[in-house]
Each structure stands twice: as structure tokens, then as C-alpha cells.
């Protein structure tokens, strides 16, 4: 389920962004610039705030990854499988962050 970022408190959104940025071991010197980049991506909807009902967790993911996850969940439901799909996208998320940070387009 997509959660509009404006429905989160400023502290909750900041905490989510900080957790997302530090997942890959980002050093503190880079954290501010990466957090700003991620915040802009959330504000421009290049990253979505997503609540996963199965794991009861909140994550950031690209719209494309969200669509893939939704499709995987629908297919699993049709097959009777119980899957947690949010973990499948951490590598794709990191690639997205690395590409955006290296391109410095934000």
C-alpha cells in the first residue's frame, strides 16, 4: 500500500529516509547529501513510501519495483503462496540510489 509522504510526520519521514540511506553503510559525511537526494526523490514520486502489510514494515521503492512487487503478490495469491516480497528489492533499490548518486542529477 502506497502512503502519501505528507501523511507521515516530519520526524517519521526523516527517520525512514535516514534508515534507507544508512542501510548500505553510508558514512556520516555523506549522509546529509544522500538524505537530501532521497527526500527529493520521495517528493517527486521517484521513490514511493510503501507499507507492506505482510511484514508490517515501511519501505521506499521505485514505482517500477512497486509494480513488480504487486504483480508478484497477486501471482502468489493466485497460486496460494504466502510470500514476503519487500526484501526482494533491496538490491534494486541500492542500484537506483547508486545510479542517482553517481549521476548527481538531483
Protein backbone atom coordinates (compact mmCIF):
# COMPACT_ATOMS: atom_id res chain seq x y z
CA UNK A 1 0.00 0.00 0.00
CA UNK A 2 1.39 3.38 -1.00
CA UNK A 3 1.40 6.01 1.73
CA UNK A 4 1.48 9.66 0.68
CA UNK A 5 4.59 11.20 2.28
CA UNK A 6 2.54 14.15 3.55
CA UNK A 7 0.58 11.71 5.74
CA UNK A 8 3.73 10.96 7.73
CA UNK A 9 5.03 13.26 10.41
CA UNK A 10 8.23 15.11 9.53
CA UNK A 11 10.09 13.02 12.11
CA UNK A 12 8.73 9.73 10.74
CA UNK A 13 9.68 10.64 7.17
CA UNK A 14 13.14 11.80 8.28
CA UNK A 15 13.63 8.53 10.19
CA UNK A 16 12.54 6.45 7.21
CA UNK A 17 14.92 8.34 4.91
CA UNK A 18 17.78 8.05 7.40
CA UNK A 19 17.22 4.31 7.75
CA UNK A 20 17.09 3.91 3.97
CA UNK A 21 20.29 5.90 3.43
CA UNK A 22 22.25 4.09 6.14
CA UNK A 23 21.30 0.56 5.04
CA UNK A 24 24.34 0.28 2.85
CA UNK A 25 26.74 1.58 5.49
CA UNK A 26 26.81 5.17 4.28
CA UNK A 27 29.33 7.13 6.28
CA UNK A 28 28.12 10.12 8.24
CA UNK A 29 29.93 12.61 5.99
CA UNK A 30 27.79 11.51 3.00
CA UNK A 31 24.57 11.01 4.90
CA UNK A 32 23.23 14.56 4.59
CA UNK A 33 23.65 14.78 0.83
CA UNK A 34 22.20 11.30 0.26
CA UNK A 35 19.28 12.03 2.58
CA UNK A 36 18.55 15.25 0.67
CA UNK A 37 18.66 13.34 -2.61
CA UNK A 38 16.29 10.67 -1.28
CA UNK A 39 13.92 13.31 0.14
CA UNK A 40 13.74 14.98 -3.29
CA UNK A 41 13.07 11.59 -4.89
CA UNK A 42 10.21 10.97 -2.44
CA UNK A 43 8.78 14.44 -3.01
CA UNK A 44 8.91 13.99 -6.79
CA UNK A 45 7.44 10.46 -6.53
CA UNK A 46 10.53 8.81 -7.99
CA UNK A 47 10.52 6.84 -4.73
CA UNK A 48 7.31 5.76 -3.02
CA UNK A 49 6.61 5.23 0.66
CA UNK A 50 5.20 1.70 0.78
CA UNK A 51 3.65 -0.17 3.70
CA UNK A 52 3.97 -3.95 3.43
CA UNK A 53 1.04 -5.49 5.25
CA UNK A 54 2.68 -8.92 5.48
CA UNK A 55 5.81 -7.75 7.24
CA UNK A 56 4.12 -4.69 8.79
CA UNK A 57 7.05 -2.56 7.65
CA UNK A 58 7.51 0.64 5.70
CA UNK A 59 9.97 0.91 2.87
CA UNK A 60 10.94 3.17 -0.01
CA UNK A 61 10.80 1.77 -3.52
CA UNK A 62 10.65 2.94 -7.08
CA UNK A 63 7.27 2.90 -8.83
CA UNK A 64 8.60 0.17 -11.12
CA UNK A 65 9.67 -2.02 -8.20
CA UNK A 66 6.34 -1.40 -6.50
CA UNK A 67 4.51 -2.61 -9.61
CA UNK A 68 6.72 -5.71 -9.76
CA UNK A 69 6.08 -6.43 -6.09
CA UNK A 70 2.33 -6.01 -6.52
CA UNK A 71 2.36 -8.33 -9.52
CA UNK A 72 4.40 -10.92 -7.62
CA UNK A 73 1.97 -10.72 -4.69
CA UNK A 74 -1.03 -11.12 -6.99
CA UNK A 75 0.55 -14.13 -8.70
CA UNK A 76 1.45 -15.68 -5.36
CA UNK A 77 -2.10 -15.15 -4.10
CA UNK A 78 -3.48 -16.83 -7.22
CA UNK A 79 -1.17 -19.79 -6.62
CA UNK A 80 -1.92 -19.88 -2.91
CA UNK A 81 1.65 -18.98 -1.97
CA UNK A 82 2.42 -16.78 1.00
CA UNK A 83 5.39 -14.62 0.10
CA UNK A 84 7.06 -11.59 1.57
CA UNK A 85 8.26 -9.65 -1.41
CA UNK A 86 9.59 -6.42 0.03
CA UNK A 87 13.00 -7.95 0.75
CA UNK A 88 13.49 -8.82 -2.92
CA UNK A 89 14.04 -5.20 -3.83
CA UNK A 90 16.85 -4.08 -1.55
CA UNK A 91 19.44 -4.75 -4.28
CA UNK A 92 17.38 -2.92 -6.91
CA UNK A 93 16.87 -0.02 -4.51
CA UNK A 94 20.61 0.19 -3.88
CA UNK A 95 21.33 0.17 -7.60
CA UNK A 96 18.85 3.01 -8.03
CA UNK A 97 20.47 5.04 -5.24
CA UNK A 98 23.96 4.36 -6.58
CA UNK A 99 22.96 5.38 -10.09
CA UNK A 100 21.24 8.56 -8.95
CA UNK A 101 24.02 9.50 -6.55
CA UNK A 102 26.72 8.87 -9.15
CA UNK A 103 24.82 10.78 -11.85
CA UNK A 104 24.18 13.62 -9.40
CA UNK A 105 21.05 14.61 -11.34
CA UNK A 106 19.01 15.55 -8.32
